[in-house]
Amino acid sequence: MRRSSLPSLLAGLALLSTLPALSTPALAETRLTIMSFNVWGGGGNAQKPVDETVAAIKAAGADIIGIQETRLEADPCTADVCPPAGTSVAKAIADALGYHYYDQTKVNDALWANAVISRYPIGQATPNDLGVPIDVDGRKVWAFNIHLDDSPYQPYQLLNIEYGAFPFIKTEAEAVKFASDTRGPALKLLFEDLKAAEGADAAFIFGDFNEPSFRDWTAETVKAGHNPVPVRFPTTAAIEEAGFTDTFRAAFPDPVAKPAYTWTPTSEPTDPEDHHDRIDFAFARAKELKVLKAGIVGEKSPEADIVVTPWPSDHRATMAEISF
């Protein structure tokens, strides 16, 4: 056995104490702007050119967009039957932006002419066609995009506005039951596909839910005259319970101070045959998620935080800048 010299050992320890400590490098922060936009056939239902839809996306500066209604409404289009018609505008929008795209062509309860458009490359879709992986500079994110059934529509049922052959209702319990029955099958498909995003750097859910947020139908908004009764709407509640953040309400938590209406720019808020609401969403889930800003994109202020004219759709869009 070789013996060490004690002075040499002490000298070595002293040298080690002067060396910089080793540490695990921190992951770089990723910033993205996300957007959900019901494009109403790319404006085609109002005989508008697709350029107006492209202009709205450019104004938002969006990197990843979930779009709904890439095809035209059938004629006739009723509350009960309204299949998509014509060709998807997703490719035309993506080409104009220089982006990648994926048309969600499967027919199921969670889709109505949907597509994902992305600045970054898009991978293979989930089994129900609701989500795609996206390579963001080597980080794996998932974009899920849904369009849920609009009939029966609970705000109309609660406000005695005729839409389809469904009864008027009065209570939160009735609204939750009708909403669950109407959109529950689609939500089941979404949660099946969300399993693919486990362990991803980030995941987003975009969509025209045709159902408001429980964060907007509160006792406070009822007192302010915005809504008839408080309702914990089940779709947004279930998505938040799965760890997702409502990016708009993260930026603007008070629905009385900052109401938001994506439905609809085609009527006035005082129209007795309609009810303006936020039914389009961009949810996000990521470790150390930050919502840096959010807003509504539409035709005029104060309804829109980002104003684009002319406006091509019967919905306003929602956007958020996030980091993780």
C-alpha atoms as a PDB file:
ATOM      1  CA  MET A   1       0.000   0.000   0.000  1.00  0.00           C
ATOM      2  CA  ARG A   2       1.319   3.405  -0.949  1.00  0.00           C
ATOM      3  CA  ARG A   3       0.987   6.072   1.728  1.00  0.00           C
ATOM      4  CA  SER A   4      -0.033   9.646   0.824  1.00  0.00           C
ATOM      5  CA  SER A   5       1.800  12.570   2.174  1.00  0.00           C
ATOM      6  CA  LEU A   6      -0.508  14.652   4.411  1.00  0.00           C
ATOM      7  CA  PRO A   7       0.903  17.988   3.184  1.00  0.00           C
ATOM      8  CA  SER A   8       0.289  16.971  -0.419  1.00  0.00           C
ATOM      9  CA  LEU A   9      -3.292  15.967   0.384  1.00  0.00           C
ATOM     10  CA  LEU A  10      -4.000  19.281   2.105  1.00  0.00           C
ATOM     11  CA  ALA A  11      -2.532  21.187  -0.828  1.00  0.00           C
ATOM     12  CA  GLY A  12      -4.788  19.295  -3.216  1.00  0.00           C
ATOM     13  CA  LEU A  13      -7.889  20.074  -1.172  1.00  0.00           C
ATOM     14  CA  ALA A  14      -6.958  23.739  -1.104  1.00  0.00           C
ATOM     15  CA  LEU A  15      -6.672  23.767  -4.903  1.00  0.00           C
ATOM     16  CA  LEU A  16     -10.083  22.130  -5.326  1.00  0.00           C
ATOM     17  CA  SER A  17     -11.686  24.793  -3.137  1.00  0.00           C
ATOM     18  CA  THR A  18     -10.590  27.480  -5.606  1.00  0.00           C
ATOM     19  CA  LEU A  19     -12.182  25.781  -8.665  1.00  0.00           C
ATOM     20  CA  PRO A  20     -15.653  26.937  -9.866  1.00  0.00           C
ATOM     21  CA  ALA A  21     -18.550  24.710  -8.795  1.00  0.00           C
ATOM     22  CA  LEU A  22     -20.049  22.500 -11.495  1.00  0.00           C
ATOM     23  CA  SER A  23     -23.799  22.931 -12.133  1.00  0.00           C
ATOM     24  CA  THR A  24     -26.457  21.520 -14.447  1.00  0.00           C
ATOM     25  CA  PRO A  25     -27.129  24.007 -17.269  1.00  0.00           C
ATOM     26  CA  ALA A  26     -30.613  25.537 -17.160  1.00  0.00           C
ATOM     27  CA  LEU A  27     -32.954  24.934 -20.070  1.00  0.00           C
ATOM     28  CA  ALA A  28     -33.308  27.913 -22.366  1.00  0.00           C
ATOM     29  CA  GLU A  29     -36.619  29.754 -22.209  1.00  0.00           C
ATOM     30  CA  THR A  30     -38.887  29.236 -25.204  1.00  0.00           C
ATOM     31  CA  ARG A  31     -41.307  31.965 -26.246  1.00  0.00           C
ATOM     32  CA  LEU A  32     -44.263  31.359 -28.527  1.00  0.00           C
ATOM     33  CA  THR A  33     -47.351  33.230 -29.629  1.00  0.00           C
ATOM     34  CA  ILE A  34     -50.363  30.942 -29.889  1.00  0.00           C
ATOM     35  CA  MET A  35     -53.756  31.619 -31.422  1.00  0.00           C
ATOM     36  CA  SER A  36     -57.176  30.018 -31.823  1.00  0.00           C
ATOM     37  CA  PHE A  37     -59.247  31.256 -34.738  1.00  0.00           C
ATOM     38  CA  ASN A  38     -62.561  30.120 -36.212  1.00  0.00           C
ATOM     39  CA  VAL A  39     -61.911  31.366 -39.747  1.00  0.00           C
ATOM     40  CA  TRP A  40     -65.472  30.818 -41.090  1.00  0.00           C
ATOM     41  CA  GLY A  41     -64.288  29.189 -44.280  1.00  0.00           C
ATOM     42  CA  GLY A  42     -61.356  31.586 -44.502  1.00  0.00           C
ATOM     43  CA  GLY A  43     -63.976  34.317 -44.870  1.00  0.00           C
ATOM     44  CA  GLY A  44     -65.573  32.352 -47.687  1.00  0.00           C
ATOM     45  CA  ASN A  45     -68.990  32.223 -46.056  1.00  0.00           C
ATOM     46  CA  ALA A  46     -69.095  36.005 -46.484  1.00  0.00           C
ATOM     47  CA  GLN A  47     -67.419  35.915 -49.932  1.00  0.00           C
ATOM     48  CA  LYS A  48     -64.217  37.381 -48.469  1.00  0.00           C
ATOM     49  CA  PRO A  49     -60.711  36.573 -49.751  1.00  0.00           C
ATOM     50  CA  VAL A  50     -58.430  34.372 -47.663  1.00  0.00           C
ATOM     51  CA  ASP A  51     -55.943  37.279 -47.515  1.00  0.00           C
ATOM     52  CA  GLU A  52     -58.025  38.861 -44.737  1.00  0.00           C
ATOM     53  CA  THR A  53     -57.617  35.737 -42.574  1.00  0.00           C
ATOM     54  CA  VAL A  54     -53.874  35.743 -43.234  1.00  0.00           C
ATOM     55  CA  ALA A  55     -53.716  39.420 -42.216  1.00  0.00           C
ATOM     56  CA  ALA A  56     -55.363  38.636 -38.861  1.00  0.00           C
ATOM     57  CA  ILE A  57     -52.833  35.895 -38.104  1.00  0.00           C
ATOM     58  CA  LYS A  58     -49.944  38.174 -39.077  1.00  0.00           C
ATOM     59  CA  ALA A  59     -51.300  40.965 -36.870  1.00  0.00           C
ATOM     60  CA  ALA A  60     -51.275  38.613 -33.892  1.00  0.00           C
ATOM     61  CA  GLY A  61     -47.739  37.453 -34.707  1.00  0.00           C
ATOM     62  CA  ALA A  62     -48.835  33.864 -34.121  1.00  0.00           C
ATOM     63  CA  ASP A  63     -46.372  30.967 -34.316  1.00  0.00           C
ATOM     64  CA  ILE A  64     -48.856  28.118 -33.765  1.00  0.00           C
ATOM     65  CA  ILE A  65     -52.526  28.449 -34.676  1.00  0.00           C
ATOM     66  CA  GLY A  66     -55.486  26.146 -34.251  1.00  0.00           C
ATOM     67  CA  ILE A  67     -58.048  27.044 -36.902  1.00  0.00           C
ATOM     68  CA  GLN A  68     -61.617  25.845 -37.151  1.00  0.00           C
ATOM     69  CA  GLU A  69     -64.086  25.931 -40.048  1.00  0.00           C
ATOM     70  CA  THR A  70     -61.476  25.645 -42.769  1.00  0.00           C
ATOM     71  CA  ARG A  71     -64.310  24.686 -45.133  1.00  0.00           C
ATOM     72  CA  LEU A  72     -67.588  26.381 -46.023  1.00  0.00           C
ATOM     73  CA  GLU A  73     -70.914  25.844 -44.304  1.00  0.00           C
ATOM     74  CA  ALA A  74     -73.343  23.695 -46.257  1.00  0.00           C
ATOM     75  CA  ASP A  75     -76.439  25.288 -47.755  1.00  0.00           C
ATOM     76  CA  PRO A  76     -78.764  24.981 -45.931  1.00  0.00           C
ATOM     77  CA  CYS A  77     -77.006  25.130 -42.576  1.00  0.00           C
ATOM     78  CA  THR A  78     -79.262  24.647 -39.538  1.00  0.00           C
ATOM     79  CA  ALA A  79     -78.788  24.101 -35.822  1.00  0.00           C
ATOM     80  CA  ASP A  80     -79.377  20.382 -36.402  1.00  0.00           C
ATOM     81  CA  VAL A  81     -77.529  19.708 -39.668  1.00  0.00           C
ATOM     82  CA  CYS A  82     -74.614  21.674 -41.107  1.00  0.00           C
ATOM     83  CA  PRO A  83     -71.871  19.558 -42.693  1.00  0.00           C
ATOM     84  CA  PRO A  84     -68.735  21.228 -44.059  1.00  0.00           C
ATOM     85  CA  ALA A  85     -68.533  21.753 -47.801  1.00  0.00           C
ATOM     86  CA  GLY A  86     -65.877  22.639 -50.341  1.00  0.00           C
ATOM     87  CA  THR A  87     -62.093  22.605 -50.014  1.00  0.00           C
ATOM     88  CA  SER A  88     -60.067  23.405 -46.893  1.00  0.00           C
ATOM     89  CA  VAL A  89     -58.313  26.783 -46.893  1.00  0.00           C
ATOM     90  CA  ALA A  90     -55.601  25.565 -44.495  1.00  0.00           C
ATOM     91  CA  LYS A  91     -52.997  25.093 -47.227  1.00  0.00           C
ATOM     92  CA  ALA A  92     -53.685  28.510 -48.760  1.00  0.00           C
ATOM     93  CA  ILE A  93     -53.305  30.196 -45.350  1.00  0.00           C
ATOM     94  CA  ALA A  94     -50.133  28.269 -44.516  1.00  0.00           C
ATOM     95  CA  ASP A  95     -48.605  28.953 -47.927  1.00  0.00           C
ATOM     96  CA  ALA A  96     -49.269  32.678 -47.580  1.00  0.00           C
ATOM     97  CA  LEU A  97     -47.553  32.663 -44.181  1.00  0.00           C
ATOM     98  CA  GLY A  98     -44.717  30.346 -45.233  1.00  0.00           C
ATOM     99  CA  TYR A  99     -45.831  27.931 -42.480  1.00  0.00           C
ATOM    100  CA  HIS A 100     -46.415  24.197 -42.114  1.00  0.00           C
ATOM    101  CA  TYR A 101     -49.973  22.867 -41.794  1.00  0.00           C
ATOM    102  CA  TYR A 102     -51.956  19.768 -40.967  1.00  0.00           C
ATOM    103  CA  ASP A 103     -55.579  19.289 -42.034  1.00  0.00           C
ATOM    104  CA  GLN A 104     -57.565  17.309 -39.456  1.00  0.00           C
ATOM    105  CA  THR A 105     -59.749  15.274 -41.789  1.00  0.00           C
ATOM    106  CA  LYS A 106     -61.139  12.564 -39.514  1.00  0.00           C
ATOM    107  CA  VAL A 107     -64.896  12.738 -38.889  1.00  0.00           C
ATOM    108  CA  ASN A 108     -65.760  12.604 -35.188  1.00  0.00           C
ATOM    109  CA  ASP A 109     -67.536  14.524 -32.405  1.00  0.00           C
ATOM    110  CA  ALA A 110     -64.569  16.817 -31.730  1.00  0.00           C
ATOM    111  CA  LEU A 111     -63.881  18.054 -35.259  1.00  0.00           C
ATOM    112  CA  TRP A 112     -65.577  20.266 -37.841  1.00  0.00           C
ATOM    113  CA  ALA A 113     -63.076  21.178 -40.576  1.00  0.00           C
ATOM    114  CA  ASN A 114     -60.067  21.834 -38.339  1.00  0.00           C
ATOM    115  CA  ALA A 115     -56.370  22.382 -39.046  1.00  0.00           C
ATOM    116  CA  VAL A 116     -53.158  23.262 -37.232  1.00  0.00           C
ATOM    117  CA  ILE A 117     -50.829  25.816 -38.800  1.00  0.00           C
ATOM    118  CA  SER A 118     -47.304  26.228 -37.448  1.00  0.00           C
ATOM    119  CA  ARG A 119     -44.108  28.126 -38.033  1.00  0.00           C
ATOM    120  CA  TYR A 120     -42.363  24.893 -36.946  1.00  0.00           C
ATOM    121  CA  PRO A 121     -42.424  21.351 -38.415  1.00  0.00           C
ATOM    122  CA  ILE A 122     -45.474  19.199 -37.613  1.00  0.00           C
ATOM    123  CA  GLY A 123     -45.363  15.451 -36.906  1.00  0.00           C
ATOM    124  CA  GLN A 124     -47.847  12.570 -37.030  1.00  0.00           C
ATOM    125  CA  ALA A 125     -51.328  13.116 -35.578  1.00  0.00           C
ATOM    126  CA  THR A 126     -52.894  11.303 -32.624  1.00  0.00           C
ATOM    127  CA  PRO A 127     -55.365   8.423 -33.212  1.00  0.00           C
ATOM    128  CA  ASN A 128     -58.469  10.644 -33.018  1.00  0.00           C
ATOM    129  CA  ASP A 129     -56.788  13.290 -35.221  1.00  0.00           C
ATOM    130  CA  LEU A 130     -57.067  15.938 -32.498  1.00  0.00           C
ATOM    131  CA  GLY A 131     -53.395  16.639 -31.810  1.00  0.00           C
ATOM    132  CA  VAL A 132     -50.033  16.897 -33.538  1.00  0.00           C
ATOM    133  CA  PRO A 133     -46.459  17.097 -32.204  1.00  0.00           C
ATOM    134  CA  ILE A 134     -44.460  20.146 -33.231  1.00  0.00           C
ATOM    135  CA  ASP A 135     -40.677  20.457 -33.132  1.00  0.00           C
ATOM    136  CA  VAL A 136     -39.903  23.914 -31.745  1.00  0.00           C
ATOM    137  CA  ASP A 137     -36.132  24.231 -32.087  1.00  0.00           C
ATOM    138  CA  GLY A 138     -35.619  20.768 -30.643  1.00  0.00           C
ATOM    139  CA  ARG A 139     -38.312  21.030 -27.976  1.00  0.00           C
ATOM    140  CA  LYS A 140     -41.387  18.862 -28.333  1.00  0.00           C
ATOM    141  CA  VAL A 141     -44.740  20.571 -27.987  1.00  0.00           C
ATOM    142  CA  TRP A 142     -48.208  19.311 -28.810  1.00  0.00           C
ATOM    143  CA  ALA A 143     -51.050  21.263 -30.381  1.00  0.00           C
ATOM    144  CA  PHE A 144     -54.592  19.937 -29.945  1.00  0.00           C
ATOM    145  CA  ASN A 145     -57.414  21.583 -31.848  1.00  0.00           C
ATOM    146  CA  ILE A 146     -61.140  20.917 -31.438  1.00  0.00           C
ATOM    147  CA  HIS A 147     -64.485  22.262 -32.603  1.00  0.00           C
ATOM    148  CA  LEU A 148     -67.423  21.212 -30.432  1.00  0.00           C
ATOM    149  CA  ASP A 149     -71.141  20.941 -31.131  1.00  0.00           C
ATOM    150  CA  ASP A 150     -73.124  24.180 -30.951  1.00  0.00           C
ATOM    151  CA  SER A 151     -76.555  22.657 -30.467  1.00  0.00           C
ATOM    152  CA  PRO A 152     -78.063  22.824 -27.944  1.00  0.00           C
ATOM    153  CA  TYR A 153     -76.334  26.034 -26.927  1.00  0.00           C
ATOM    154  CA  GLN A 154     -76.777  26.710 -23.218  1.00  0.00           C
ATOM    155  CA  PRO A 155     -76.573  30.538 -23.206  1.00  0.00           C
ATOM    156  CA  TYR A 156     -79.498  30.578 -25.653  1.00  0.00           C
ATOM    157  CA  GLN A 157     -81.402  27.995 -23.623  1.00  0.00           C
ATOM    158  CA  LEU A 158     -80.953  30.086 -20.461  1.00  0.00           C
ATOM    159  CA  LEU A 159     -81.975  33.306 -22.220  1.00  0.00           C
ATOM    160  CA  ASN A 160     -85.011  31.908 -24.099  1.00  0.00           C
ATOM    161  CA  ILE A 161     -83.393  32.423 -27.511  1.00  0.00           C
ATOM    162  CA  GLU A 162     -84.647  29.890 -30.022  1.00  0.00           C
ATOM    163  CA  TYR A 163     -81.954  27.716 -31.633  1.00  0.00           C
ATOM    164  CA  GLY A 164     -82.901  24.196 -32.606  1.00  0.00           C
ATOM    165  CA  ALA A 165     -85.665  22.121 -31.081  1.00  0.00           C
ATOM    166  CA  PHE A 166     -84.442  22.227 -27.482  1.00  0.00           C
ATOM    167  CA  PRO A 167     -86.158  23.352 -24.277  1.00  0.00           C
ATOM    168  CA  PHE A 168     -85.433  26.587 -22.485  1.00  0.00           C
ATOM    169  CA  ILE A 169     -83.805  26.125 -19.069  1.00  0.00           C
ATOM    170  CA  LYS A 170     -83.365  28.147 -15.881  1.00  0.00           C
ATOM    171  CA  THR A 171     -80.726  26.589 -13.629  1.00  0.00           C
ATOM    172  CA  GLU A 172     -77.000  25.917 -13.505  1.00  0.00           C
ATOM    173  CA  ALA A 173     -77.658  22.192 -13.051  1.00  0.00           C
ATOM    174  CA  GLU A 174     -79.692  22.086 -16.262  1.00  0.00           C
ATOM    175  CA  ALA A 175     -77.012  23.996 -18.163  1.00  0.00           C
ATOM    176  CA  VAL A 176     -74.257  21.675 -16.952  1.00  0.00           C
ATOM    177  CA  LYS A 177     -76.280  18.582 -17.876  1.00  0.00           C
ATOM    178  CA  PHE A 178     -77.047  19.812 -21.405  1.00  0.00           C
ATOM    179  CA  ALA A 179     -73.423  20.895 -21.901  1.00  0.00           C
ATOM    180  CA  SER A 180     -72.083  17.553 -20.676  1.00  0.00           C
ATOM    181  CA  ASP A 181     -74.481  15.568 -22.846  1.00  0.00           C
ATOM    182  CA  THR A 182     -73.695  17.707 -25.907  1.00  0.00           C
ATOM    183  CA  ARG A 183     -69.900  17.899 -25.661  1.00  0.00           C
ATOM    184  CA  GLY A 184     -68.969  15.045 -23.341  1.00  0.00           C
ATOM    185  CA  PRO A 185     -68.289  12.541 -26.171  1.00  0.00           C
ATOM    186  CA  ALA A 186     -65.882  14.986 -27.819  1.00  0.00           C
ATOM    187  CA  LEU A 187     -64.142  15.671 -24.512  1.00  0.00           C
ATOM    188  CA  LYS A 188     -63.626  11.924 -24.079  1.00  0.00           C
ATOM    189  CA  LEU A 189     -61.852  11.776 -27.457  1.00  0.00           C
ATOM    190  CA  LEU A 190     -59.679  14.736 -26.473  1.00  0.00           C
ATOM    191  CA  PHE A 191     -58.575  13.153 -23.213  1.00  0.00           C
ATOM    192  CA  GLU A 192     -57.721   9.927 -25.035  1.00  0.00           C
ATOM    193  CA  ASP A 193     -55.438  11.844 -27.400  1.00  0.00           C
ATOM    194  CA  LEU A 194     -53.933  14.018 -24.647  1.00  0.00           C
ATOM    195  CA  LYS A 195     -52.093  10.947 -23.359  1.00  0.00           C
ATOM    196  CA  ALA A 196     -49.650  11.433 -26.243  1.00  0.00           C
ATOM    197  CA  ALA A 197     -48.515  14.749 -24.714  1.00  0.00           C
ATOM    198  CA  GLU A 198     -47.382  13.288 -21.392  1.00  0.00           C
ATOM    199  CA  GLY A 199     -43.798  14.370 -20.765  1.00  0.00           C
ATOM    200  CA  ALA A 200     -43.805  16.962 -23.548  1.00  0.00           C
ATOM    201  CA  ASP A 201     -42.185  20.357 -23.002  1.00  0.00           C
ATOM    202  CA  ALA A 202     -45.542  22.045 -23.585  1.00  0.00           C
ATOM    203  CA  ALA A 203     -49.058  21.293 -24.789  1.00  0.00           C
ATOM    204  CA  PHE A 204     -51.776  23.574 -26.136  1.00  0.00           C
ATOM    205  CA  ILE A 205     -55.503  23.105 -26.641  1.00  0.00           C
ATOM    206  CA  PHE A 206     -57.179  25.364 -29.180  1.00  0.00           C
ATOM    207  CA  GLY A 207     -60.786  25.408 -30.177  1.00  0.00           C
ATOM    208  CA  ASP A 208     -64.189  26.808 -30.811  1.00  0.00           C
ATOM    209  CA  PHE A 209     -65.880  25.143 -27.846  1.00  0.00           C
ATOM    210  CA  ASN A 210     -69.385  26.497 -28.506  1.00  0.00           C
ATOM    211  CA  GLU A 211     -69.544  26.692 -24.728  1.00  0.00           C
ATOM    212  CA  PRO A 212     -68.465  29.588 -22.495  1.00  0.00           C
ATOM    213  CA  SER A 213     -65.871  29.457 -19.734  1.00  0.00           C
ATOM    214  CA  PHE A 214     -66.867  28.861 -16.134  1.00  0.00           C
ATOM    215  CA  ARG A 215     -64.518  31.769 -15.380  1.00  0.00           C
ATOM    216  CA  ASP A 216     -66.822  34.155 -17.253  1.00  0.00           C
ATOM    217  CA  TRP A 217     -70.161  32.964 -15.845  1.00  0.00           C
ATOM    218  CA  THR A 218     -69.696  33.853 -12.180  1.00  0.00           C
ATOM    219  CA  ALA A 219     -71.750  35.444  -9.423  1.00  0.00           C
ATOM    220  CA  GLU A 220     -69.866  38.680 -10.132  1.00  0.00           C
ATOM    221  CA  THR A 221     -70.707  38.690 -13.855  1.00  0.00           C
ATOM    222  CA  VAL A 222     -74.346  37.959 -13.016  1.00  0.00           C
ATOM    223  CA  LYS A 223     -74.375  40.933 -10.638  1.00  0.00           C
ATOM    224  CA  ALA A 224     -72.831  43.080 -13.406  1.00  0.00           C
ATOM    225  CA  GLY A 225     -75.649  42.052 -15.756  1.00  0.00           C
ATOM    226  CA  HIS A 226     -73.500  40.012 -18.153  1.00  0.00           C
ATOM    227  CA  ASN A 227     -75.140  36.618 -17.544  1.00  0.00           C
ATOM    228  CA  PRO A 228     -78.400  35.282 -16.101  1.00  0.00           C
ATOM    229  CA  VAL A 229     -76.955  32.717 -13.629  1.00  0.00           C
ATOM    230  CA  PRO A 230     -73.503  31.483 -12.578  1.00  0.00           C
ATOM    231  CA  VAL A 231     -72.540  28.262 -14.366  1.00  0.00           C
ATOM    232  CA  ARG A 232     -69.488  26.060 -13.876  1.00  0.00           C
ATOM    233  CA  PHE A 233     -69.350  25.029 -17.521  1.00  0.00           C
ATOM    234  CA  PRO A 234     -67.895  21.515 -17.682  1.00  0.00           C
ATOM    235  CA  THR A 235     -65.604  21.652 -20.725  1.00  0.00           C
ATOM    236  CA  THR A 236     -63.325  24.466 -19.562  1.00  0.00           C
ATOM    237  CA  ALA A 237     -63.460  23.132 -15.993  1.00  0.00           C
ATOM    238  CA  ALA A 238     -62.293  19.657 -17.077  1.00  0.00           C
ATOM    239  CA  ILE A 239     -59.436  21.073 -19.161  1.00  0.00           C
ATOM    240  CA  GLU A 240     -58.194  23.228 -16.300  1.00  0.00           C
ATOM    241  CA  GLU A 241     -58.428  20.254 -13.947  1.00  0.00           C
ATOM    242  CA  ALA A 242     -56.062  18.463 -16.347  1.00  0.00           C
ATOM    243  CA  GLY A 243     -53.428  21.122 -15.644  1.00  0.00           C
ATOM    244  CA  PHE A 244     -54.074  23.555 -18.484  1.00  0.00           C
ATOM    245  CA  THR A 245     -54.165  27.341 -18.096  1.00  0.00           C
ATOM    246  CA  ASP A 246     -56.779  29.564 -19.714  1.00  0.00           C
ATOM    247  CA  THR A 247     -54.236  31.989 -21.170  1.00  0.00           C
ATOM    248  CA  PHE A 248     -56.660  34.868 -21.603  1.00  0.00           C
ATOM    249  CA  ARG A 249     -57.935  34.718 -18.019  1.00  0.00           C
ATOM    250  CA  ALA A 250     -54.376  34.265 -16.725  1.00  0.00           C
ATOM    251  CA  ALA A 251     -53.634  37.684 -18.216  1.00  0.00           C
ATOM    252  CA  PHE A 252     -57.035  39.190 -17.279  1.00  0.00           C
ATOM    253  CA  PRO A 253     -58.401  37.357 -14.226  1.00  0.00           C
ATOM    254  CA  ASP A 254     -61.349  39.696 -13.590  1.00  0.00           C
ATOM    255  CA  PRO A 255     -64.209  38.967 -16.048  1.00  0.00           C
ATOM    256  CA  VAL A 256     -66.131  42.059 -14.949  1.00  0.00           C
ATOM    257  CA  ALA A 257     -63.222  44.457 -15.432  1.00  0.00           C
ATOM    258  CA  LYS A 258     -62.192  42.724 -18.663  1.00  0.00           C
ATOM    259  CA  PRO A 259     -65.056  40.900 -20.366  1.00  0.00           C
ATOM    260  CA  ALA A 260     -64.181  39.202 -23.626  1.00  0.00           C
ATOM    261  CA  TYR A 261     -66.431  38.252 -26.515  1.00  0.00           C
ATOM    262  CA  THR A 262     -65.252  36.058 -29.365  1.00  0.00           C
ATOM    263  CA  TRP A 263     -68.879  35.404 -30.336  1.00  0.00           C
ATOM    264  CA  THR A 264     -69.834  37.455 -32.311  1.00  0.00           C
ATOM    265  CA  PRO A 265     -68.786  40.520 -34.334  1.00  0.00           C
ATOM    266  CA  THR A 266     -71.845  40.080 -36.567  1.00  0.00           C
ATOM    267  CA  SER A 267     -74.355  41.447 -34.045  1.00  0.00           C
ATOM    268  CA  GLU A 268     -74.564  44.157 -31.420  1.00  0.00           C
ATOM    269  CA  PRO A 269     -74.314  43.326 -27.696  1.00  0.00           C
ATOM    270  CA  THR A 270     -77.848  44.668 -27.268  1.00  0.00           C
ATOM    271  CA  ASP A 271     -79.349  42.246 -29.814  1.00  0.00           C
ATOM    272  CA  PRO A 272     -82.138  40.367 -27.955  1.00  0.00           C
ATOM    273  CA  GLU A 273     -81.710  37.384 -30.303  1.00  0.00           C
ATOM    274  CA  ASP A 274     -78.074  36.813 -29.391  1.00  0.00           C
ATOM    275  CA  HIS A 275     -75.687  36.759 -26.425  1.00  0.00           C
ATOM    276  CA  HIS A 276     -72.053  37.753 -26.735  1.00  0.00           C
ATOM    277  CA  ASP A 277     -69.607  35.396 -25.071  1.00  0.00           C
ATOM    278  CA  ARG A 278     -66.071  33.998 -25.059  1.00  0.00           C
ATOM    279  CA  ILE A 279     -66.302  30.543 -26.619  1.00  0.00           C
ATOM    280  CA  ASP A 280     -62.896  30.376 -28.389  1.00  0.00           C
ATOM    281  CA  PHE A 281     -59.887  29.357 -26.306  1.00  0.00           C
ATOM    282  CA  ALA A 282     -56.123  28.885 -26.255  1.00  0.00           C
ATOM    283  CA  PHE A 283     -55.138  26.739 -23.271  1.00  0.00           C
ATOM    284  CA  ALA A 284     -51.518  25.990 -22.371  1.00  0.00           C
ATOM    285  CA  ARG A 285     -49.696  23.536 -20.104  1.00  0.00           C
ATOM    286  CA  ALA A 286     -45.943  23.591 -19.461  1.00  0.00           C
ATOM    287  CA  LYS A 287     -43.434  23.568 -16.646  1.00  0.00           C
ATOM    288  CA  GLU A 288     -42.801  27.128 -15.460  1.00  0.00           C
ATOM    289  CA  LEU A 289     -45.424  28.445 -17.870  1.00  0.00           C
ATOM    290  CA  LYS A 290     -45.701  32.228 -18.047  1.00  0.00           C
ATOM    291  CA  VAL A 291     -48.434  34.116 -19.882  1.00  0.00           C
ATOM    292  CA  LEU A 292     -46.652  37.260 -21.006  1.00  0.00           C
ATOM    293  CA  LYS A 293     -49.653  38.841 -22.713  1.00  0.00           C
ATOM    294  CA  ALA A 294     -53.001  37.884 -24.197  1.00  0.00           C
ATOM    295  CA  GLY A 295     -55.766  39.475 -26.172  1.00  0.00           C
ATOM    296  CA  ILE A 296     -58.729  39.252 -28.484  1.00  0.00           C
ATOM    297  CA  VAL A 297     -58.172  39.841 -32.203  1.00  0.00           C
ATOM    298  CA  GLY A 298     -61.095  41.384 -34.034  1.00  0.00           C
ATOM    299  CA  GLU A 299     -62.681  44.149 -36.017  1.00  0.00           C
ATOM    300  CA  LYS A 300     -62.827  47.094 -33.610  1.00  0.00           C
ATOM    301  CA  SER A 301     -62.035  48.424 -30.159  1.00  0.00           C
ATOM    302  CA  PRO A 302     -62.954  47.956 -27.326  1.00  0.00           C
ATOM    303  CA  GLU A 303     -64.054  44.431 -28.227  1.00  0.00           C
ATOM    304  CA  ALA A 304     -60.642  43.672 -29.730  1.00  0.00           C
ATOM    305  CA  ASP A 305     -57.198  44.272 -28.254  1.00  0.00           C
ATOM    306  CA  ILE A 306     -55.644  43.789 -31.699  1.00  0.00           C
ATOM    307  CA  VAL A 307     -57.765  45.454 -34.374  1.00  0.00           C
ATOM    308  CA  VAL A 308     -57.738  44.171 -37.956  1.00  0.00           C
ATOM    309  CA  THR A 309     -59.972  45.600 -40.673  1.00  0.00           C
ATOM    310  CA  PRO A 310     -61.609  44.365 -42.760  1.00  0.00           C
ATOM    311  CA  TRP A 311     -62.512  41.415 -40.536  1.00  0.00           C
ATOM    312  CA  PRO A 312     -63.277  38.068 -42.246  1.00  0.00           C
ATOM    313  CA  SER A 313     -65.046  35.899 -39.662  1.00  0.00           C
ATOM    314  CA  ASP A 314     -68.187  35.632 -37.546  1.00  0.00           C
ATOM    315  CA  HIS A 315     -65.857  34.918 -34.572  1.00  0.00           C
ATOM    316  CA  ARG A 316     -63.092  36.983 -33.061  1.00  0.00           C
ATOM    317  CA  ALA A 317     -59.829  35.152 -32.380  1.00  0.00           C
ATOM    318  CA  THR A 318     -57.903  34.758 -29.130  1.00  0.00           C
ATOM    319  CA  MET A 319     -54.125  34.906 -28.803  1.00  0.00           C
ATOM    320  CA  ALA A 320     -51.450  34.742 -26.137  1.00  0.00           C
ATOM    321  CA  GLU A 321     -47.696  35.140 -25.897  1.00  0.00           C
ATOM    322  CA  ILE A 322     -46.331  32.515 -23.532  1.00  0.00           C
ATOM    323  CA  SER A 323     -42.966  31.243 -22.305  1.00  0.00           C
ATOM    324  CA  PHE A 324     -41.832  28.025 -20.680  1.00  0.00           C
END
